[in-house]
Protein backbone atom coordinates (compact mmCIF):
# COMPACT_ATOMS: atom_id res chain seq x y z
CA MET A 1 -28.92 3.96 -2.42
CA THR A 2 -25.83 3.50 -0.24
CA THR A 3 -24.42 6.70 1.23
CA LEU A 4 -20.75 6.86 0.33
CA LEU A 5 -18.23 6.93 3.15
CA PRO A 6 -16.54 10.28 3.76
CA ARG A 7 -13.08 10.21 2.25
CA ILE A 8 -9.92 12.02 1.19
CA GLU A 9 -9.03 11.95 -2.50
CA ILE A 10 -5.59 12.64 -4.00
CA GLU A 11 -4.84 12.46 -7.71
CA SER A 12 -1.29 11.69 -8.84
CA GLY A 13 -1.95 13.35 -12.19
CA PRO A 14 -4.70 14.88 -14.29
CA HIS A 15 -7.49 12.71 -15.71
CA PRO A 16 -6.76 9.55 -13.66
CA THR A 17 -7.39 6.23 -15.38
CA ALA A 18 -6.75 4.09 -12.28
CA ALA A 19 -7.80 4.19 -8.64
CA VAL A 20 -6.44 2.88 -5.35
CA ILE A 21 -8.95 2.64 -2.50
CA TRP A 22 -6.89 2.50 0.70
CA LEU A 23 -8.46 1.42 4.01
CA HIS A 24 -6.94 2.56 7.30
CA GLY A 25 -6.45 0.53 10.46
CA LEU A 26 -8.40 0.42 13.71
CA GLY A 27 -8.65 3.78 15.48
CA ALA A 28 -7.17 5.75 12.58
CA ASP A 29 -8.85 7.53 9.67
CA GLY A 30 -8.24 8.28 6.01
CA ASN A 31 -5.48 10.74 6.85
CA ASP A 32 -3.32 7.89 8.12
CA PHE A 33 -2.04 6.85 4.69
CA ALA A 34 -2.76 9.95 2.61
CA ALA A 35 0.72 11.24 3.44
CA LEU A 36 2.22 8.12 1.86
CA VAL A 37 1.27 9.11 -1.69
CA PRO A 38 4.18 11.56 -2.21
CA GLU A 39 6.58 8.84 -1.01
CA LEU A 40 5.51 6.39 -3.73
CA ASP A 41 7.49 6.32 -6.97
CA LEU A 42 4.58 6.35 -9.42
CA ARG A 43 6.51 7.24 -12.58
CA ALA A 44 5.72 3.84 -14.13
CA CYS A 45 2.02 4.14 -13.27
CA PRO A 46 -0.84 5.85 -15.08
CA PRO A 47 -2.46 8.80 -13.27
CA ILE A 48 -4.11 7.39 -10.13
CA ARG A 49 -6.93 8.66 -7.93
CA PHE A 50 -6.13 7.59 -4.37
CA VAL A 51 -9.23 7.29 -2.19
CA PHE A 52 -8.81 7.17 1.59
CA PRO A 53 -12.20 6.56 3.25
CA HIS A 54 -12.97 7.13 6.92
CA ALA A 55 -14.51 4.15 8.72
CA PRO A 56 -17.52 4.88 10.94
CA SER A 57 -16.97 5.04 14.70
CA MET A 58 -18.23 2.22 16.90
CA PRO A 59 -17.57 0.67 20.32
CA VAL A 60 -14.70 -1.82 20.13
CA THR A 61 -14.99 -4.69 22.59
CA LEU A 62 -11.26 -5.41 22.79
CA ASN A 63 -10.66 -1.79 23.83
CA GLY A 64 -13.22 -1.84 26.63
CA GLY A 65 -16.05 -0.59 24.45
CA TYR A 66 -14.24 2.63 23.63
CA VAL A 67 -15.77 4.28 20.57
CA MET A 68 -13.31 4.69 17.69
CA PRO A 69 -13.16 4.45 13.90
CA ALA A 70 -13.40 0.76 13.00
CA TRP A 71 -14.40 -1.39 10.06
CA TYR A 72 -15.78 -4.01 12.47
CA ASP A 73 -15.69 -4.97 16.14
CA ILE A 74 -12.74 -6.91 17.57
CA ARG A 75 -13.81 -9.28 20.32
CA GLY A 76 -10.69 -11.39 20.93
CA THR A 77 -6.95 -10.78 20.99
CA ASP A 78 -6.39 -13.65 18.55
CA LEU A 79 -8.60 -11.76 16.01
CA LEU A 80 -10.47 -14.99 15.25
CA SER A 81 -12.69 -15.40 18.33
CA ARG A 82 -16.35 -14.45 17.89
CA GLN A 83 -15.72 -12.51 14.69
CA ASP A 84 -18.09 -9.65 13.92
CA ALA A 85 -19.56 -11.10 10.71
CA ALA A 86 -22.33 -8.50 10.52
CA GLY A 87 -19.88 -5.62 10.90
CA ILE A 88 -17.50 -7.06 8.34
CA GLN A 89 -20.30 -7.54 5.83
CA LYS A 90 -21.63 -4.01 6.41
CA SER A 91 -18.19 -2.55 5.72
CA GLU A 92 -17.84 -4.82 2.69
CA GLN A 93 -20.98 -3.21 1.22
CA ALA A 94 -19.67 0.30 1.96
CA ILE A 95 -16.32 -0.48 0.29
CA ALA A 96 -18.01 -2.08 -2.72
CA ALA A 97 -20.03 1.14 -3.08
CA LEU A 98 -16.76 3.09 -3.31
CA ILE A 99 -15.56 0.77 -6.08
CA GLU A 100 -18.81 1.29 -7.96
CA HIS A 101 -18.48 5.05 -7.48
CA GLU A 102 -15.04 5.01 -9.10
CA THR A 103 -16.42 3.09 -12.08
CA SER A 104 -19.21 5.66 -12.38
CA LEU A 105 -16.48 8.30 -12.72
CA GLY A 106 -14.99 6.43 -15.67
CA ILE A 107 -12.34 4.24 -13.98
CA ALA A 108 -12.47 0.71 -15.38
CA VAL A 109 -12.93 -1.80 -12.56
CA GLN A 110 -9.88 -3.76 -13.78
CA ASN A 111 -7.83 -0.60 -13.06
CA ILE A 112 -8.86 -0.41 -9.39
CA VAL A 113 -6.64 -1.65 -6.55
CA LEU A 114 -8.10 -2.32 -3.10
CA ALA A 115 -5.54 -1.68 -0.36
CA GLY A 116 -5.49 -1.57 3.41
CA PHE A 117 -3.46 -1.68 6.60
CA SER A 118 -4.18 -3.96 9.57
CA GLN A 119 -7.98 -4.08 9.96
CA GLY A 120 -8.16 -2.24 6.64
CA GLY A 121 -5.94 -4.92 5.10
CA ALA A 122 -8.33 -7.56 6.41
CA MET A 123 -11.20 -5.72 4.74
CA ALA A 124 -9.25 -5.36 1.48
CA LEU A 125 -8.77 -9.14 1.33
CA HIS A 126 -12.32 -9.93 2.42
CA THR A 127 -13.98 -7.49 0.01
CA GLY A 128 -11.61 -7.81 -2.92
CA LEU A 129 -11.69 -11.60 -3.10
CA ARG A 130 -15.48 -11.63 -2.89
CA TYR A 131 -16.03 -8.79 -5.34
CA PRO A 132 -17.91 -10.02 -8.45
CA LYS A 133 -15.80 -8.10 -10.99
CA ARG A 134 -12.08 -8.44 -11.70
CA LEU A 135 -9.92 -5.90 -9.83
CA ALA A 136 -6.36 -4.91 -10.75
CA GLY A 137 -4.88 -6.03 -7.45
CA ILE A 138 -5.22 -6.29 -3.68
CA LEU A 139 -2.77 -4.86 -1.14
CA ALA A 140 -2.93 -6.18 2.43
CA LEU A 141 -0.40 -4.63 4.80
CA SER A 142 -0.04 -6.20 8.26
CA GLY A 143 -3.43 -7.85 7.78
CA TYR A 144 -5.17 -11.22 7.57
CA LEU A 145 -8.28 -12.81 6.04
CA PRO A 146 -11.31 -12.62 8.35
CA LEU A 147 -14.21 -15.11 8.17
CA ALA A 148 -11.93 -17.65 6.52
CA ASP A 149 -14.35 -20.45 7.45
CA THR A 150 -16.97 -19.04 5.05
CA PHE A 151 -14.50 -18.01 2.37
CA ALA A 152 -15.03 -20.99 0.06
CA ALA A 153 -18.72 -20.18 -0.24
CA GLY A 154 -18.26 -16.42 -0.58
CA ARG A 155 -15.25 -16.01 -2.85
CA SER A 156 -15.64 -14.76 -6.40
CA ALA A 157 -14.25 -16.53 -9.44
CA ALA A 158 -13.69 -13.08 -10.99
CA ASN A 159 -10.77 -12.43 -8.62
CA ALA A 160 -9.35 -15.95 -8.44
CA HIS A 161 -6.21 -14.81 -10.28
CA THR A 162 -5.95 -11.22 -9.06
CA PRO A 163 -2.42 -10.39 -7.80
CA ILE A 164 -2.25 -10.04 -4.02
CA PHE A 165 0.51 -8.12 -2.22
CA MET A 166 0.91 -9.08 1.44
CA GLY A 167 3.44 -7.22 3.58
CA HIS A 168 4.00 -8.00 7.25
CA GLY A 169 6.36 -7.06 10.06
CA SER A 170 8.43 -9.93 11.41
CA MET A 171 8.02 -8.50 14.94
CA ASP A 172 4.35 -7.43 14.72
CA PRO A 173 2.77 -7.70 18.21
CA VAL A 174 -0.73 -6.65 17.03
CA VAL A 175 -1.42 -8.88 14.03
CA LEU A 176 1.09 -11.63 14.72
CA PRO A 177 3.28 -12.68 11.77
CA GLN A 178 1.81 -16.19 12.05
CA ARG A 179 -1.66 -14.73 11.38
CA GLY A 180 -0.49 -13.18 8.12
CA GLU A 181 1.49 -16.29 7.18
CA SER A 182 -1.55 -18.49 7.78
CA THR A 183 -3.60 -16.31 5.46
CA ARG A 184 -0.83 -16.46 2.84
CA ASP A 185 -0.64 -20.23 3.04
CA PHE A 186 -4.44 -20.58 2.91
CA LEU A 187 -4.74 -18.39 -0.18
CA VAL A 188 -1.80 -20.03 -1.93
CA SER A 189 -3.38 -23.46 -1.29
CA LEU A 190 -6.42 -22.21 -3.21
CA GLY A 191 -4.29 -21.04 -6.14
CA TYR A 192 -4.18 -17.31 -5.45
CA PRO A 193 -1.05 -15.47 -6.67
CA VAL A 194 0.18 -14.05 -3.35
CA HIS A 195 3.33 -11.88 -3.35
CA TRP A 196 4.58 -12.18 0.26
CA HIS A 197 6.99 -9.65 1.79
CA SER A 198 8.36 -9.73 5.34
CA TYR A 199 10.01 -6.66 6.87
CA PRO A 200 12.06 -6.11 10.07
CA MET A 201 9.43 -4.01 11.84
CA GLN A 202 6.51 -4.15 14.25
CA HIS A 203 2.97 -2.98 13.33
CA SER A 204 3.92 -0.23 10.90
CA VAL A 205 5.17 0.43 7.36
CA HIS A 206 8.79 -0.09 6.33
CA PRO A 207 10.61 2.15 3.80
CA ARG A 208 11.44 -0.90 1.71
CA GLU A 209 7.75 -1.81 1.78
CA VAL A 210 6.89 1.59 0.29
CA ALA A 211 9.25 0.89 -2.62
CA ASP A 212 7.79 -2.60 -3.08
CA ILE A 213 4.24 -1.21 -3.13
CA ALA A 214 5.18 1.20 -5.92
CA VAL A 215 6.57 -1.68 -7.99
CA PHE A 216 3.41 -3.72 -7.38
CA LEU A 217 1.18 -0.84 -8.45
CA ALA A 218 3.22 -0.31 -11.61
CA ASN A 219 2.92 -4.02 -12.44
CA VAL A 220 -0.83 -4.33 -11.95
CA LEU A 221 -1.84 -0.94 -13.39
CA ARG A 222 0.38 -0.61 -16.44
CA PRO A 223 -1.47 -0.86 -19.78
CA ALA A 224 -1.53 -4.25 -21.46
CA GLY A 225 1.62 -4.75 -23.51
CA ALA A 226 3.46 -1.86 -21.87
CA ALA A 227 6.94 -2.50 -20.49
CA LEU A 228 8.20 -1.15 -17.19
């Protein structure tokens, strides 16, 4: 049995019927985005359980082997050189276990959104698009799709039409805008419904992005037939 990652949980209302599993970036932890919940306008959403897991700590090659929370090792500044396939796949299993845990608590899998920032956004795309059951949506903020060369073999038909929100800073020096745009173009070429948003910022979150995320959540989590 997989040991669940330690995590922070915040419920937007009693008896949640939806969940958002939100993955932090390199060197951060689950606290990084927990403070964002009160900033989201969730009035059009059902009660949501927000889950903010903490990645395990590991040496990160790009940072001189310094040990920090990470979903996988980064070995090149371009993010694509010598990708840590084993680390990515290990984190994929840990994230999938969190999804299964939410379903065991009574949340329907089609009411679960997988979200993440930077390295967490990369893991949200990687895991969500390979997950064998239909999710409500995928949020990738300032991220990209890792292991794209094996994506065709690993992707799941269950999430071929799952809405994808991608937000990126036009001046991002960490995950270059071109990296996010390449992922967008790649996914769109395969028929994925990608909602692309560019913001005048670096590697961070923009106030307008927060408002756009709330709209996306309302769209993908509202009950069938319900109007916004």
